[in-house]
Protein backbone atom coordinates (compact mmCIF):
# COMPACT_ATOMS: atom_id res chain seq x y z
CA MET A 1 -45.19 -7.31 -16.34
CA LEU A 2 -44.39 -3.56 -17.10
CA GLN A 3 -42.24 -3.28 -13.65
CA PHE A 4 -40.17 -6.27 -14.73
CA ILE A 5 -39.18 -4.04 -17.81
CA PRO A 6 -37.08 -1.30 -15.66
CA TRP A 7 -35.51 -4.27 -13.37
CA LEU A 8 -34.46 -5.84 -16.68
CA LEU A 9 -33.06 -2.70 -18.00
CA SER A 10 -31.49 -1.74 -14.74
CA PHE A 11 -30.09 -4.33 -13.26
CA VAL A 12 -29.75 -7.84 -15.45
CA ILE A 13 -28.80 -6.10 -18.80
CA PRO A 14 -25.66 -4.17 -17.32
CA PHE A 15 -24.60 -7.14 -15.11
CA LEU A 16 -24.92 -9.66 -18.32
CA ALA A 17 -22.82 -6.90 -20.35
CA VAL A 18 -20.14 -6.81 -17.76
CA LEU A 19 -20.01 -10.39 -17.05
CA THR A 20 -19.97 -11.38 -20.93
CA VAL A 21 -16.94 -9.22 -21.40
CA ILE A 22 -14.93 -10.54 -18.64
CA VAL A 23 -15.78 -14.14 -19.17
CA PHE A 24 -14.92 -13.76 -23.01
CA VAL A 25 -11.40 -12.11 -22.59
CA HIS A 26 -10.77 -14.71 -19.67
CA GLU A 27 -11.48 -17.77 -22.11
CA MET A 28 -9.97 -15.94 -24.67
CA GLY A 29 -6.76 -15.73 -22.98
CA HIS A 30 -6.92 -19.78 -22.52
CA TYR A 31 -8.09 -20.27 -26.11
CA LEU A 32 -5.20 -17.99 -27.84
CA VAL A 33 -2.52 -19.49 -25.62
CA ALA A 34 -3.52 -23.42 -26.40
CA ARG A 35 -3.69 -22.15 -30.05
CA TRP A 36 -0.32 -20.94 -29.85
CA ASN A 37 0.97 -24.19 -28.30
CA GLY A 38 -0.91 -26.36 -30.98
CA ILE A 39 -3.80 -28.10 -28.99
CA ALA A 40 -6.58 -29.01 -30.46
CA ILE A 41 -9.90 -27.12 -29.04
CA HIS A 42 -13.25 -28.82 -28.99
CA THR A 43 -15.59 -25.93 -27.46
CA PHE A 44 -15.17 -22.25 -26.88
CA SER A 45 -18.39 -21.50 -24.65
CA VAL A 46 -19.69 -18.00 -23.35
CA GLY A 47 -22.42 -19.39 -20.65
CA PHE A 48 -22.94 -23.08 -19.62
CA GLY A 49 -26.18 -25.45 -20.01
CA PRO A 50 -27.81 -25.79 -23.40
CA GLU A 51 -26.63 -24.06 -26.50
CA LEU A 52 -28.48 -21.18 -27.76
CA TRP A 53 -26.08 -20.38 -30.60
CA GLY A 54 -23.24 -22.22 -32.06
CA ARG A 55 -21.11 -22.63 -35.45
CA TYR A 56 -17.73 -24.38 -36.27
CA ASP A 57 -14.83 -22.66 -37.26
CA ARG A 58 -12.60 -23.96 -39.98
CA ASN A 59 -10.22 -25.39 -37.08
CA GLY A 60 -13.12 -27.55 -35.78
CA THR A 61 -13.81 -25.48 -32.86
CA ARG A 62 -17.44 -25.26 -31.69
CA TRP A 63 -18.02 -21.69 -30.83
CA ARG A 64 -21.05 -21.20 -28.57
CA ILE A 65 -23.54 -19.02 -26.53
CA SER A 66 -24.98 -21.12 -23.72
CA ALA A 67 -28.33 -20.53 -21.44
CA ILE A 68 -26.91 -19.91 -18.48
CA PRO A 69 -24.75 -16.77 -18.60
CA LEU A 70 -22.83 -16.97 -15.35
CA GLY A 71 -19.42 -18.49 -16.56
CA GLY A 72 -17.88 -19.92 -19.60
CA TYR A 73 -15.39 -22.29 -21.03
CA VAL A 74 -12.52 -23.70 -23.07
CA ARG A 75 -12.80 -27.38 -23.53
CA PHE A 76 -9.94 -29.16 -25.41
CA VAL A 77 -10.18 -32.44 -27.29
CA GLY A 78 -9.99 -35.41 -25.12
CA ASP A 79 -11.11 -33.66 -21.63
CA MET A 80 -13.72 -35.60 -19.69
CA ASN A 81 -15.54 -32.23 -18.92
CA ALA A 82 -15.66 -28.37 -19.33
CA ALA A 83 -13.19 -28.09 -16.15
CA SER A 84 -10.76 -29.67 -18.55
CA LEU A 85 -10.16 -32.68 -16.41
CA PRO A 86 -8.35 -35.31 -18.88
CA ASP A 87 -10.24 -38.49 -19.94
CA PRO A 88 -7.58 -40.98 -20.32
CA ALA A 89 -10.07 -43.49 -22.61
CA SER A 90 -11.37 -40.66 -24.44
CA ALA A 91 -7.63 -39.71 -25.19
CA GLU A 92 -6.63 -43.14 -26.12
CA ALA A 93 -9.52 -43.56 -28.63
CA ILE A 94 -8.59 -40.40 -30.54
CA ASP A 95 -7.28 -40.79 -34.07
CA PRO A 96 -3.39 -40.92 -33.57
CA ALA A 97 -2.83 -38.07 -36.14
CA LEU A 98 -4.33 -35.78 -33.37
CA GLN A 99 -2.48 -37.28 -30.46
CA PRO A 100 0.42 -34.58 -30.62
CA PHE A 101 -2.47 -31.99 -30.53
CA LEU A 102 -4.15 -33.33 -27.04
CA PHE A 103 -3.95 -30.80 -24.49
CA VAL A 104 -3.17 -33.90 -21.96
CA ASN A 105 0.12 -34.80 -24.24
CA LYS A 106 1.78 -31.36 -24.13
CA ASN A 107 4.61 -30.71 -21.37
CA VAL A 108 3.86 -29.50 -18.07
CA TRP A 109 5.26 -25.95 -18.69
CA GLN A 110 2.92 -25.74 -22.01
CA ARG A 111 -0.11 -26.62 -19.66
CA ILE A 112 0.62 -24.16 -16.90
CA SER A 113 1.14 -21.37 -19.41
CA VAL A 114 -2.61 -22.24 -20.97
CA VAL A 115 -3.79 -22.07 -17.42
CA LEU A 116 -2.18 -19.07 -16.67
CA ALA A 117 -3.37 -17.15 -19.36
CA GLY A 118 -7.09 -16.85 -18.39
CA PRO A 119 -6.35 -15.02 -15.25
CA VAL A 120 -3.73 -12.99 -16.84
CA ALA A 121 -5.92 -11.96 -19.91
CA ASN A 122 -8.12 -10.40 -17.10
CA VAL A 123 -5.55 -8.30 -15.80
CA ILE A 124 -4.72 -7.11 -18.92
CA LEU A 125 -8.10 -6.11 -19.33
CA THR A 126 -8.17 -4.45 -16.19
CA PHE A 127 -4.85 -2.47 -17.22
CA VAL A 128 -6.11 -1.52 -20.48
CA ILE A 129 -8.95 0.04 -19.08
CA LEU A 130 -7.65 1.99 -16.28
CA TYR A 131 -4.71 3.17 -18.43
CA VAL A 132 -6.97 4.35 -21.14
CA LEU A 133 -9.20 6.03 -18.83
CA LEU A 134 -6.46 7.83 -17.09
CA LEU A 135 -4.79 9.05 -20.29
CA GLY A 136 -8.19 10.02 -21.93
CA TYR A 137 -9.72 11.72 -18.77
CA GLY A 138 -6.82 12.33 -16.54
CA ARG A 139 -8.30 12.81 -12.57
CA TYR A 140 -9.60 15.59 -10.57
CA THR A 141 -7.18 16.23 -7.48
CA ILE A 142 -7.18 18.59 -4.76
CA PRO A 143 -3.85 18.93 -2.42
CA PRO A 144 -3.44 16.37 0.22
CA VAL A 145 -3.10 18.68 2.89
CA ILE A 146 -4.86 18.21 6.22
CA GLY A 147 -7.52 20.94 7.15
CA SER A 148 -8.58 20.08 10.34
CA VAL A 149 -8.36 17.24 13.07
CA VAL A 150 -11.36 16.05 14.89
CA PRO A 151 -10.84 16.13 18.80
CA GLN A 152 -10.46 12.63 20.62
CA SER A 153 -10.42 11.12 17.50
CA VAL A 154 -7.80 8.29 16.02
CA ALA A 155 -5.95 10.81 14.15
CA GLU A 156 -5.48 13.33 16.79
CA ALA A 157 -4.33 10.52 19.11
CA ALA A 158 -1.51 9.37 16.24
CA GLY A 159 -0.39 13.02 16.48
CA PHE A 160 -1.84 14.27 13.26
CA GLU A 161 -2.05 18.22 12.81
CA ALA A 162 -3.87 20.64 10.60
CA GLY A 163 -1.58 21.76 7.86
CA ASP A 164 0.11 18.24 7.44
CA ARG A 165 0.80 17.45 3.77
CA ILE A 166 0.23 13.47 3.34
CA LEU A 167 3.04 12.01 1.31
CA SER A 168 2.05 8.39 1.05
CA VAL A 169 0.13 5.64 2.80
CA ASP A 170 1.48 2.16 3.39
CA GLY A 171 4.09 2.54 0.58
CA TYR A 172 1.47 4.20 -1.84
CA GLU A 173 2.22 7.45 -2.87
CA VAL A 174 -0.31 10.12 -2.28
CA ARG A 175 -1.12 12.61 -4.84
CA GLY A 176 -4.28 13.82 -3.60
CA PHE A 177 -6.50 14.32 -0.54
CA GLU A 178 -8.92 11.74 -2.12
CA ASP A 179 -6.01 9.24 -2.27
CA PHE A 180 -5.49 9.70 1.44
CA GLN A 181 -9.16 9.10 2.04
CA ARG A 182 -9.56 5.92 -0.23
CA LEU A 183 -6.33 4.40 1.64
CA VAL A 184 -7.68 5.06 4.92
CA ALA A 185 -11.33 3.83 4.12
CA THR A 186 -10.10 0.71 2.68
CA SER A 187 -8.32 -0.23 6.08
CA PRO A 188 -10.64 -0.56 8.93
CA ALA A 189 -8.91 -1.95 11.86
CA ARG A 190 -5.65 -2.64 10.14
CA ASN A 191 -2.41 -0.67 10.93
CA VAL A 192 -1.66 1.84 8.66
CA ASP A 193 1.65 3.80 8.02
CA VAL A 194 1.71 7.31 7.24
CA ILE A 195 4.36 9.43 6.02
CA LEU A 196 3.73 13.21 5.93
CA ASP A 197 5.41 16.65 5.64
CA ARG A 198 5.19 18.81 8.63
CA ASN A 199 6.97 22.33 8.30
CA GLY A 200 9.66 20.82 5.77
CA ARG A 201 10.37 17.78 8.39
CA THR A 202 9.40 14.19 7.17
CA GLU A 203 7.62 12.11 9.88
CA GLU A 204 6.05 8.51 10.00
CA LEU A 205 2.80 7.62 12.07
CA ALA A 206 1.28 4.59 12.67
CA ILE A 207 -2.47 4.39 12.92
CA VAL A 208 -5.51 1.96 13.00
CA PRO A 209 -8.61 3.62 11.24
CA GLU A 210 -11.82 2.92 13.07
CA ALA A 211 -14.37 0.78 11.26
CA VAL A 212 -17.52 2.40 10.84
CA GLU A 213 -20.79 1.42 9.11
CA VAL A 214 -21.82 4.03 6.36
CA LYS A 215 -24.42 4.20 3.59
CA ASP A 216 -23.35 4.93 -0.03
CA ARG A 217 -25.18 6.95 -2.34
CA PHE A 218 -27.74 4.19 -3.09
CA GLY A 219 -28.19 3.33 0.42
CA ASN A 220 -25.96 0.16 0.77
CA ASN A 221 -23.96 -0.42 4.01
CA GLN A 222 -20.49 -0.06 3.52
CA ARG A 223 -17.75 -0.78 6.31
CA ILE A 224 -14.89 1.46 6.14
CA GLY A 225 -12.01 2.87 7.90
CA ARG A 226 -12.39 6.58 9.63
CA ILE A 227 -9.52 8.50 11.65
CA GLY A 228 -11.09 11.90 12.15
CA VAL A 229 -9.61 14.42 9.53
CA SER A 230 -10.98 16.67 7.04
CA ARG A 231 -10.52 19.38 4.49
CA ASP A 232 -12.65 22.13 3.27
CA VAL A 233 -12.58 22.33 -0.64
CA GLU A 234 -12.46 25.66 -2.57
CA ASN A 235 -12.94 25.49 -6.35
CA THR A 236 -9.46 26.95 -6.79
CA ASP A 237 -8.25 23.86 -5.23
CA ILE A 238 -9.53 21.35 -7.58
CA THR A 239 -7.31 20.64 -10.28
CA LEU A 240 -7.52 18.28 -13.54
CA TYR A 241 -4.28 16.43 -13.50
CA ARG A 242 -3.13 14.58 -16.86
CA PRO A 243 -0.25 12.15 -16.45
CA ASN A 244 1.76 11.71 -19.67
CA ALA A 245 1.76 8.15 -21.23
CA ILE A 246 4.73 6.97 -19.12
CA GLU A 247 3.48 8.08 -16.14
CA ALA A 248 0.16 6.73 -16.69
CA PHE A 249 1.81 3.44 -17.12
CA GLY A 250 3.33 3.52 -13.53
CA MET A 251 -0.01 5.10 -12.03
CA THR A 252 -1.94 2.04 -13.54
CA PHE A 253 0.35 -0.53 -12.17
CA GLU A 254 0.30 1.17 -8.95
CA GLU A 255 -3.66 0.94 -9.12
CA ILE A 256 -3.90 -2.65 -9.83
CA HIS A 257 -1.46 -3.26 -6.85
CA PHE A 258 -3.51 -1.50 -4.56
CA ILE A 259 -6.51 -3.41 -5.77
CA VAL A 260 -5.20 -6.66 -5.19
CA ASN A 261 -3.53 -5.66 -1.88
CA ARG A 262 -6.95 -4.55 -0.67
CA THR A 263 -8.65 -7.82 -1.93
CA GLY A 264 -6.00 -9.69 -0.21
CA ALA A 265 -6.37 -7.71 3.06
CA PHE A 266 -10.38 -7.78 2.99
CA LEU A 267 -10.28 -11.84 2.45
CA GLY A 268 -7.50 -11.91 5.27
CA ASP A 269 -9.98 -10.15 7.64
CA PHE A 270 -12.37 -13.20 7.79
CA PHE A 271 -9.65 -15.31 9.02
CA VAL A 272 -8.76 -13.40 12.07
CA GLY A 273 -12.51 -12.52 12.83
CA ARG A 274 -12.65 -8.93 11.38
CA GLY A 275 -14.71 -9.49 8.45
CA ASP A 276 -17.96 -8.70 7.68
CA VAL A 277 -20.25 -11.05 6.05
CA GLU A 278 -22.62 -8.61 4.56
CA GLN A 279 -19.49 -7.26 2.32
CA LEU A 280 -19.28 -10.73 0.65
CA GLY A 281 -21.21 -10.48 -2.64
CA GLY A 282 -22.36 -13.25 -5.38
CA PRO A 283 -24.28 -12.64 -8.57
CA VAL A 284 -27.40 -11.08 -7.11
CA LYS A 285 -25.18 -8.30 -5.46
CA VAL A 286 -23.09 -8.05 -8.25
CA ALA A 287 -26.15 -7.56 -10.41
CA LYS A 288 -27.20 -5.00 -8.38
CA VAL A 289 -24.01 -2.96 -8.19
CA SER A 290 -23.83 -3.46 -11.83
CA GLY A 291 -27.42 -1.48 -11.99
CA GLU A 292 -26.47 0.90 -9.51
CA VAL A 293 -23.19 1.90 -11.34
CA ALA A 294 -24.77 1.93 -14.74
CA SER A 295 -27.11 4.70 -13.59
CA LEU A 296 -23.78 6.96 -13.11
CA GLY A 297 -22.73 6.53 -16.75
CA ILE A 298 -20.93 4.26 -18.91
CA ILE A 299 -17.46 5.14 -17.85
CA ALA A 300 -18.46 4.38 -14.04
CA LEU A 301 -19.64 0.80 -15.55
CA ILE A 302 -16.31 0.45 -17.54
CA ASN A 303 -14.47 1.31 -14.39
CA LEU A 304 -16.50 -1.46 -12.67
CA THR A 305 -15.72 -3.93 -15.42
CA ALA A 306 -11.90 -3.24 -14.85
CA LEU A 307 -12.18 -3.97 -11.07
CA LEU A 308 -14.80 -7.18 -11.22
CA SER A 309 -12.14 -8.42 -14.24
CA LEU A 310 -9.33 -8.26 -11.94
CA ASN A 311 -11.18 -9.95 -9.06
CA ILE A 312 -12.19 -12.71 -10.88
CA GLY A 313 -8.84 -13.32 -12.12
CA ILE A 314 -7.57 -13.46 -8.39
CA PHE A 315 -10.27 -15.63 -7.47
CA ASN A 316 -9.55 -18.23 -10.48
CA LEU A 317 -5.81 -18.66 -9.00
CA LEU A 318 -7.61 -19.68 -5.77
CA PRO A 319 -5.83 -23.20 -5.20
CA VAL A 320 -9.18 -25.01 -5.70
CA PRO A 321 -9.62 -28.05 -8.05
CA MET A 322 -11.81 -26.91 -10.93
CA LEU A 323 -10.44 -23.39 -10.92
CA ASP A 324 -7.46 -22.31 -12.76
CA GLY A 325 -5.43 -22.28 -9.70
CA GLY A 326 -6.40 -26.01 -8.67
CA HIS A 327 -4.99 -26.86 -12.22
CA LEU A 328 -1.94 -25.07 -11.42
CA VAL A 329 -1.49 -26.95 -8.36
CA TYR A 330 -1.76 -30.31 -10.08
CA TYR A 331 0.60 -29.23 -12.62
CA LEU A 332 3.35 -27.62 -10.39
CA PHE A 333 3.05 -31.20 -8.55
CA GLU A 334 3.58 -32.89 -11.77
CA ALA A 335 6.73 -30.59 -12.85
CA ILE A 336 8.44 -31.26 -9.25
CA ARG A 337 7.61 -34.99 -9.02
CA GLY A 338 8.11 -35.63 -12.68
CA ARG A 339 4.79 -37.41 -13.26
CA PRO A 340 1.30 -36.37 -12.89
CA LEU A 341 -0.77 -37.14 -9.95
CA SER A 342 -2.98 -40.42 -10.45
CA GLN A 343 -6.51 -39.87 -12.30
CA ARG A 344 -8.07 -41.04 -9.13
CA VAL A 345 -6.73 -37.92 -7.11
CA GLN A 346 -7.46 -35.51 -9.85
CA GLU A 347 -11.04 -36.70 -9.89
CA ALA A 348 -11.31 -36.59 -6.04
CA GLY A 349 -9.71 -33.03 -6.03
CA PHE A 350 -12.28 -32.00 -8.99
CA ARG A 351 -15.40 -33.26 -6.74
CA ILE A 352 -14.11 -31.48 -3.27
CA GLY A 353 -13.35 -28.44 -5.74
CA PHE A 354 -16.59 -28.51 -7.26
CA ALA A 355 -18.37 -28.66 -3.85
CA LEU A 356 -16.34 -25.79 -2.40
CA VAL A 357 -17.20 -23.52 -5.28
CA LEU A 358 -20.89 -24.79 -5.41
CA ALA A 359 -21.06 -24.12 -1.58
CA LEU A 360 -19.34 -20.48 -2.05
CA MET A 361 -22.02 -19.76 -4.72
CA VAL A 362 -25.13 -21.29 -2.36
CA PHE A 363 -23.65 -18.95 0.47
CA THR A 364 -23.14 -15.61 -1.38
CA LEU A 365 -26.59 -15.98 -2.91
CA PHE A 366 -28.28 -16.74 0.33
CA ASN A 367 -26.32 -13.90 1.81
CA ASP A 368 -27.43 -11.52 -1.11
CA THR A 369 -31.04 -12.35 -0.65
CA LEU A 370 -30.95 -12.56 3.19
CA PHE A 371 -29.47 -8.87 3.95
CA ALA A 372 -31.76 -7.56 0.88
CA TYR A 373 -34.80 -8.70 2.81
CA LEU A 374 -33.41 -7.39 6.12
CA ARG A 375 -32.81 -4.08 4.28
CA SER A 376 -36.34 -3.94 2.87
CA VAL A 377 -38.00 -4.39 6.17
CA ALA A 378 -35.95 -2.47 8.39
């Protein structure tokens, strides 16, 4: 029993804290835009399943905390379920005075705005966190100058030389050597374009970083890109860079673009056979990572919250019925056709979407536990 307490404090609580914040912000995005559009809201829930706590507000919305803290939902009056699938029979039976306030009776662009609001709220949360941390703490950096090139490496074959100053990678400005390392590390076995300054001349080199397996500080396997360059670091090389408010704004947008780009590239690898299944993670892996990052301090955990918030926002935009992206597909079809898809088609799509999401959850859960077991017996 006593062994359970450290596990609870180290993994479960940080994971639930991060997930609860992300889910609350996501659902609050749906809620606020729905209220602005005059939509009657039945329930705002953090979590699924049986209610642990709840109360009604003056607008008749039930605010609740549910027993299974792995998501949440906003349910509108007249919906069939928590996934906002309309229920025509229920909607017709509702008091005529409430009809103008039903989600299903709003125009298609209002419904689209409500659906988009959740993922947009996640992006805003990510932006705010990264922007505040950048303004408040700045960033330590070292000059992006190559110190040495490993013989017979990818870098040597591509033409890199000691003393080259890296200017950009794939269009991303390189402000420090750590930027160059990260941009290369997140591009295993993918084409990368590097612009550098060599003795006052600008040159462009194309490379394909070698994909290698390394262990992070917690012993987790990571698949990264490596080209074979290094730089000796003196204390005098390290500087604290503090951007002003306007520059930090642009740097934060660039960081979000980088995360979205690399996430898309990571997912794209699986379609061309370069993906590493072990890198996929579900609730177990996220809980483990949350616990490991929490051990590094509150700032690291807040950074993880920003990263997960953005990724959950992206995931919800996938065109899968049951997710926000699936609803958007329905409504875009309606906007083009001038009438909604039939109830039968929407329900069929919902069932398919539910099966896909459930299958993904089961797969990632199995994947998490399988590789955890293999590592434990290795």
